[in-house]
Structures are given as structure tokens and as C-alpha cells.
Amino acid sequence: MAKKDFKAIMGNPAERFFTAAHAPAQPSADPNENVKQLGKRSKAKEDTQPTHDTQPTHNAKSQRAQFLFTPELYADIKKIAYMERTSINAIANELFTAYRQSKAETLKQYKDAYGDKEV
């Protein structure tokens, strides 16, 4: 049994994500047809808005850490994250940022004593 070919009906589903700079060259009888298609793709891209902030608001390279939670605490944090439409990681970052701000004097003492030396 031969495979069914849906290309004529659907085309390549990935093509809707291509921009003019990344669109693959497709041969056509009319040389201007490819240029027209590229213009359509890039215009569609301009009309869409990203669903999230595309500029990082923190350091681009994050450090990885591992924490152990009691099962009850983890279950509750997971529920809170779900209800707030965020992640456990975002909650942890928010809490540690607030903790760091509350310990600004301790960080100043460390810097006075050791400079920028890493622990």
C-alpha cells in the first residue's frame, strides 16, 4: 500500500513560520512568484504579536540549582503556580530576589571583606 500524499492539500505546515530571510527557495515557472510569496510570509509575520516578552529581563545565562521539598510543600507550591499561571522556578526567583534585597547589608559586608571573589 502506497503512502498517501497530502502535500497538494496542506503544503508544508512549517512554511507558515518562515520569514523572508529563512524561506527555502522553491522553483517556479514565474520568477516573480517566489518574491511575491516571500513578501506574503514576511507581512504575515509583521502582523502577529508575540505572546510573551521576547527580551530577557535577567541574565541570559542562568545557574542551575536543585532543591528538595517535602511532598506537602511541593504539592502546595505546584497548586499556587498553576493558579497564578506561572512556574515553580518563577516563584523561587521572586522569593530569592526579595531575600537578596532584604540582605543587602550582608552582601555589602561580603564585598567589603572579599571584593568580587566568588564563593
Protein backbone atom coordinates (compact mmCIF):
# COMPACT_ATOMS: atom_id res chain seq x y z
CA MET A 1 0.00 0.00 0.00
CA ALA A 2 1.44 3.35 -1.04
CA LYS A 3 1.76 6.28 1.33
CA LYS A 4 -0.82 9.00 0.98
CA ASP A 5 0.48 12.35 -0.22
CA PHE A 6 -1.16 15.34 1.49
CA LYS A 7 1.31 17.93 0.18
CA ALA A 8 -1.06 19.07 -2.52
CA ILE A 9 -3.77 19.73 0.06
CA MET A 10 -1.81 21.02 3.06
CA GLY A 11 1.60 22.05 1.80
CA ASN A 12 4.40 22.19 4.33
CA PRO A 13 2.98 23.19 7.73
CA ALA A 14 6.36 24.62 8.76
CA GLU A 15 6.25 27.22 5.97
CA ARG A 16 3.96 29.48 7.98
CA PHE A 17 6.81 30.01 10.46
CA PHE A 18 9.40 31.01 7.84
CA THR A 19 10.39 34.63 7.48
CA ALA A 20 11.61 36.11 4.23
CA ALA A 21 15.24 35.67 5.30
CA HIS A 22 14.79 31.98 6.13
CA ALA A 23 12.31 30.86 3.49
CA PRO A 24 13.52 27.96 1.34
CA ALA A 25 13.87 28.62 -2.36
CA GLN A 26 11.12 26.92 -4.34
CA PRO A 27 11.39 26.72 -8.12
CA SER A 28 8.55 28.33 -10.02
CA ALA A 29 7.73 28.94 -13.67
CA ASP A 30 7.26 32.64 -12.94
CA PRO A 31 10.47 34.10 -11.42
CA ASN A 32 8.47 36.85 -9.67
CA GLU A 33 6.18 34.31 -7.96
CA ASN A 34 8.78 33.38 -5.33
CA VAL A 35 9.33 37.05 -4.49
CA LYS A 36 5.58 37.55 -4.09
CA GLN A 37 5.35 34.54 -1.77
CA LEU A 38 8.24 35.78 0.35
CA GLY A 39 6.57 39.15 0.71
CA LYS A 40 3.36 37.49 1.91
CA ARG A 41 5.17 35.46 4.52
CA SER A 42 7.10 38.39 5.94
CA LYS A 43 3.97 40.58 6.02
CA ALA A 44 2.07 37.93 7.96
CA LYS A 45 4.94 37.77 10.43
CA GLU A 46 4.80 41.55 10.95
CA ASP A 47 1.07 41.43 11.75
CA THR A 48 1.47 38.96 14.60
CA GLN A 49 2.41 39.94 18.13
CA PRO A 50 4.46 37.68 20.39
CA THR A 51 2.52 36.17 23.27
CA HIS A 52 5.37 36.78 25.70
CA ASP A 53 8.20 39.21 26.30
CA THR A 54 10.99 38.33 23.88
CA GLN A 55 13.66 40.41 25.65
CA PRO A 56 15.20 38.71 28.68
CA THR A 57 14.82 40.75 31.85
CA HIS A 58 17.53 38.83 33.67
CA ASN A 59 20.96 37.40 32.96
CA ALA A 60 20.88 35.37 29.76
CA LYS A 61 22.83 32.51 31.34
CA SER A 62 21.14 31.22 34.46
CA GLN A 63 22.66 28.95 37.08
CA ARG A 64 21.04 25.62 37.84
CA ALA A 65 20.16 24.63 41.42
CA GLN A 66 18.36 21.66 42.92
CA PHE A 67 16.06 21.81 45.93
CA LEU A 68 14.33 19.13 47.98
CA PHE A 69 10.81 19.86 49.21
CA THR A 70 8.53 17.92 51.49
CA PRO A 71 5.73 16.34 49.47
CA GLU A 72 3.09 18.59 51.07
CA LEU A 73 5.06 21.78 50.40
CA TYR A 74 5.79 20.80 46.80
CA ALA A 75 2.13 19.95 46.14
CA ASP A 76 1.01 23.31 47.53
CA ILE A 77 3.63 25.28 45.58
CA LYS A 78 2.60 23.45 42.42
CA LYS A 79 -1.06 24.40 43.02
CA ILE A 80 -0.14 28.03 43.65
CA ALA A 81 1.97 28.15 40.47
CA TYR A 82 -0.90 26.62 38.49
CA MET A 83 -3.44 29.11 39.80
CA GLU A 84 -1.11 32.06 39.15
CA ARG A 85 -0.24 30.73 35.67
CA THR A 86 3.46 30.75 36.45
CA SER A 87 6.17 28.21 37.23
CA ILE A 88 7.76 26.99 40.42
CA ASN A 89 11.01 28.41 39.04
CA ALA A 90 9.45 31.88 38.69
CA ILE A 91 8.15 31.70 42.26
CA ALA A 92 11.61 30.67 43.53
CA ASN A 93 13.28 33.51 41.60
CA GLU A 94 10.80 36.02 43.03
CA LEU A 95 11.37 34.78 46.59
CA PHE A 96 15.16 34.72 46.30
CA THR A 97 15.20 38.19 44.72
CA ALA A 98 13.23 39.56 47.67
CA TYR A 99 15.52 37.71 50.09
CA ARG A 100 18.62 39.14 48.40
CA GLN A 101 17.18 42.66 48.68
CA SER A 102 16.48 42.13 52.37
CA LYS A 103 20.10 41.04 52.88
CA ALA A 104 21.72 43.98 51.04
CA GLU A 105 23.79 44.86 54.13
CA THR A 106 25.21 41.33 54.34
CA LEU A 107 26.17 41.47 50.65
CA LYS A 108 27.88 44.82 51.25
CA GLN A 109 29.85 43.33 54.14
CA TYR A 110 30.92 40.42 51.93
CA LYS A 111 32.02 42.77 49.16
CA ASP A 112 33.98 44.92 51.66
CA ALA A 113 35.71 41.85 53.08
CA TYR A 114 36.31 39.77 49.94
CA GLY A 115 35.71 42.03 46.94
CA ASP A 116 34.19 40.29 43.93
CA LYS A 117 35.66 36.89 44.86
CA GLU A 118 33.29 34.00 44.15
CA VAL A 119 32.46 31.51 46.89
